[in-house]
């Protein structure tokens, strides 16, 4: 159950990060509200996951899902640039997440 909570917390992190970008510095109401609500839900689900998962594992997976997911949203939705260095960074983040998950057994 903790891993499911962590997965959804990470997915919500993607939503709130995207909402923050679209809020234009919290000057647009709807994206600002989406950001605040999904941020609160994401943090709550992270805290639920941390009841049983180690801090380092939970936090690494949560931020990794958010970072790589936001990176993909930036490219696929917002038209941000893609280059070899950015792709390598994303691969390294995913590699770290996999190693952290494997170490959690």
C-alpha atoms as a PDB file:
ATOM      1  CA  UNK A   1       0.000   0.000   0.000  1.00  0.00           C
ATOM      2  CA  UNK A   2       2.891   2.369   0.766  1.00  0.00           C
ATOM      3  CA  UNK A   3       4.275   1.961  -2.741  1.00  0.00           C
ATOM      4  CA  UNK A   4       0.894   2.797  -4.279  1.00  0.00           C
ATOM      5  CA  UNK A   5       0.621   5.908  -2.096  1.00  0.00           C
ATOM      6  CA  UNK A   6       4.152   6.865  -3.135  1.00  0.00           C
ATOM      7  CA  UNK A   7       3.383   6.379  -6.830  1.00  0.00           C
ATOM      8  CA  UNK A   8       0.326   8.633  -6.612  1.00  0.00           C
ATOM      9  CA  UNK A   9       2.262  11.177  -4.549  1.00  0.00           C
ATOM     10  CA  UNK A  10       4.874  11.305  -7.327  1.00  0.00           C
ATOM     11  CA  UNK A  11       2.240  11.645 -10.043  1.00  0.00           C
ATOM     12  CA  UNK A  12       0.622  14.490  -8.122  1.00  0.00           C
ATOM     13  CA  UNK A  13       4.029  16.129  -7.870  1.00  0.00           C
ATOM     14  CA  UNK A  14       4.101  16.240 -11.670  1.00  0.00           C
ATOM     15  CA  UNK A  15       0.667  17.866 -11.668  1.00  0.00           C
ATOM     16  CA  UNK A  16       1.579  20.512  -9.083  1.00  0.00           C
ATOM     17  CA  UNK A  17       4.880  21.323 -10.741  1.00  0.00           C
ATOM     18  CA  UNK A  18       3.120  21.768 -14.075  1.00  0.00           C
ATOM     19  CA  UNK A  19       0.398  23.813 -12.406  1.00  0.00           C
ATOM     20  CA  UNK A  20       3.029  26.029 -10.828  1.00  0.00           C
ATOM     21  CA  UNK A  21       4.565  26.679 -14.238  1.00  0.00           C
ATOM     22  CA  UNK A  22       1.150  27.462 -15.720  1.00  0.00           C
ATOM     23  CA  UNK A  23       0.195  29.691 -12.768  1.00  0.00           C
ATOM     24  CA  UNK A  24       2.651  32.326 -14.013  1.00  0.00           C
ATOM     25  CA  UNK A  25       4.015  33.072 -10.565  1.00  0.00           C
ATOM     26  CA  UNK A  26       0.658  32.428  -8.868  1.00  0.00           C
ATOM     27  CA  UNK A  27      -0.999  35.200 -10.884  1.00  0.00           C
ATOM     28  CA  UNK A  28      -3.527  32.883 -12.596  1.00  0.00           C
ATOM     29  CA  UNK A  29      -6.279  31.569 -10.316  1.00  0.00           C
ATOM     30  CA  UNK A  30      -7.097  28.088 -11.658  1.00  0.00           C
ATOM     31  CA  UNK A  31      -3.517  26.847 -12.136  1.00  0.00           C
ATOM     32  CA  UNK A  32      -2.657  28.309  -8.721  1.00  0.00           C
ATOM     33  CA  UNK A  33      -5.509  26.411  -7.058  1.00  0.00           C
ATOM     34  CA  UNK A  34      -4.598  23.195  -8.885  1.00  0.00           C
ATOM     35  CA  UNK A  35      -1.013  23.647  -7.679  1.00  0.00           C
ATOM     36  CA  UNK A  36      -1.957  24.164  -4.028  1.00  0.00           C
ATOM     37  CA  UNK A  37      -4.501  21.324  -3.860  1.00  0.00           C
ATOM     38  CA  UNK A  38      -2.324  18.763  -5.631  1.00  0.00           C
ATOM     39  CA  UNK A  39       0.702  19.851  -3.599  1.00  0.00           C
ATOM     40  CA  UNK A  40      -1.161  19.208  -0.356  1.00  0.00           C
ATOM     41  CA  UNK A  41      -2.395  15.813  -1.580  1.00  0.00           C
ATOM     42  CA  UNK A  42       1.075  14.876  -2.814  1.00  0.00           C
ATOM     43  CA  UNK A  43       2.676  15.731   0.541  1.00  0.00           C
ATOM     44  CA  UNK A  44      -0.047  13.847   2.412  1.00  0.00           C
ATOM     45  CA  UNK A  45       0.419  10.712   0.291  1.00  0.00           C
ATOM     46  CA  UNK A  46       4.185  10.981   0.748  1.00  0.00           C
ATOM     47  CA  UNK A  47       3.680  11.078   4.511  1.00  0.00           C
ATOM     48  CA  UNK A  48       1.427   8.009   4.286  1.00  0.00           C
ATOM     49  CA  UNK A  49       4.138   6.152   2.360  1.00  0.00           C
ATOM     50  CA  UNK A  50       6.765   7.210   4.896  1.00  0.00           C
ATOM     51  CA  UNK A  51       4.893   5.406   7.659  1.00  0.00           C
ATOM     52  CA  UNK A  52       6.463   2.176   6.420  1.00  0.00           C
ATOM     53  CA  UNK A  53       9.095   3.078   3.812  1.00  0.00           C
ATOM     54  CA  UNK A  54      12.510   4.441   4.760  1.00  0.00           C
ATOM     55  CA  UNK A  55      12.853   8.225   4.474  1.00  0.00           C
ATOM     56  CA  UNK A  56      15.638   8.125   1.882  1.00  0.00           C
ATOM     57  CA  UNK A  57      13.832   5.622  -0.318  1.00  0.00           C
ATOM     58  CA  UNK A  58      10.454   7.354  -0.204  1.00  0.00           C
ATOM     59  CA  UNK A  59      11.851  10.818  -0.783  1.00  0.00           C
ATOM     60  CA  UNK A  60      14.150   9.721  -3.600  1.00  0.00           C
ATOM     61  CA  UNK A  61      11.384   7.890  -5.443  1.00  0.00           C
ATOM     62  CA  UNK A  62       8.923  10.775  -4.918  1.00  0.00           C
ATOM     63  CA  UNK A  63      11.281  13.435  -6.205  1.00  0.00           C
ATOM     64  CA  UNK A  64      12.455  11.176  -9.023  1.00  0.00           C
ATOM     65  CA  UNK A  65       8.930  10.574 -10.303  1.00  0.00           C
ATOM     66  CA  UNK A  66       8.257  14.295 -10.079  1.00  0.00           C
ATOM     67  CA  UNK A  67      11.514  15.316 -11.746  1.00  0.00           C
ATOM     68  CA  UNK A  68      11.379  12.890 -14.661  1.00  0.00           C
ATOM     69  CA  UNK A  69       7.628  13.309 -15.106  1.00  0.00           C
ATOM     70  CA  UNK A  70       7.916  17.090 -15.121  1.00  0.00           C
ATOM     71  CA  UNK A  71      10.824  16.816 -17.558  1.00  0.00           C
ATOM     72  CA  UNK A  72       8.609  14.768 -19.905  1.00  0.00           C
ATOM     73  CA  UNK A  73       5.645  17.146 -19.537  1.00  0.00           C
ATOM     74  CA  UNK A  74       7.984  20.026 -20.333  1.00  0.00           C
ATOM     75  CA  UNK A  75       9.107  18.357 -23.525  1.00  0.00           C
ATOM     76  CA  UNK A  76       5.835  16.785 -24.672  1.00  0.00           C
ATOM     77  CA  UNK A  77       3.365  19.482 -23.615  1.00  0.00           C
ATOM     78  CA  UNK A  78       5.267  22.724 -23.150  1.00  0.00           C
ATOM     79  CA  UNK A  79       7.693  22.343 -26.053  1.00  0.00           C
ATOM     80  CA  UNK A  80      10.861  22.567 -23.964  1.00  0.00           C
ATOM     81  CA  UNK A  81      14.122  21.606 -25.683  1.00  0.00           C
ATOM     82  CA  UNK A  82      15.531  18.080 -25.776  1.00  0.00           C
ATOM     83  CA  UNK A  83      19.249  17.450 -25.899  1.00  0.00           C
ATOM     84  CA  UNK A  84      21.641  14.663 -25.006  1.00  0.00           C
ATOM     85  CA  UNK A  85      22.670  16.187 -21.671  1.00  0.00           C
ATOM     86  CA  UNK A  86      19.061  16.543 -20.463  1.00  0.00           C
ATOM     87  CA  UNK A  87      18.241  12.994 -21.574  1.00  0.00           C
ATOM     88  CA  UNK A  88      21.311  11.643 -19.774  1.00  0.00           C
ATOM     89  CA  UNK A  89      20.266  13.489 -16.617  1.00  0.00           C
ATOM     90  CA  UNK A  90      16.801  11.875 -16.785  1.00  0.00           C
ATOM     91  CA  UNK A  91      18.339   8.426 -17.305  1.00  0.00           C
ATOM     92  CA  UNK A  92      20.592   8.943 -14.288  1.00  0.00           C
ATOM     93  CA  UNK A  93      17.618   9.983 -12.145  1.00  0.00           C
ATOM     94  CA  UNK A  94      15.673   6.881 -13.178  1.00  0.00           C
ATOM     95  CA  UNK A  95      18.746   4.727 -12.518  1.00  0.00           C
ATOM     96  CA  UNK A  96      19.023   6.165  -9.022  1.00  0.00           C
ATOM     97  CA  UNK A  97      15.348   5.487  -8.382  1.00  0.00           C
ATOM     98  CA  UNK A  98      15.702   1.861  -9.493  1.00  0.00           C
ATOM     99  CA  UNK A  99      18.758   1.358  -7.272  1.00  0.00           C
ATOM    100  CA  UNK A 100      16.968   2.950  -4.307  1.00  0.00           C
ATOM    101  CA  UNK A 101      13.940   0.689  -4.836  1.00  0.00           C
ATOM    102  CA  UNK A 102      16.142  -2.395  -5.088  1.00  0.00           C
ATOM    103  CA  UNK A 103      17.952  -1.446  -1.899  1.00  0.00           C
ATOM    104  CA  UNK A 104      14.673  -1.079   0.019  1.00  0.00           C
ATOM    105  CA  UNK A 105      13.730  -4.775  -0.343  1.00  0.00           C
END
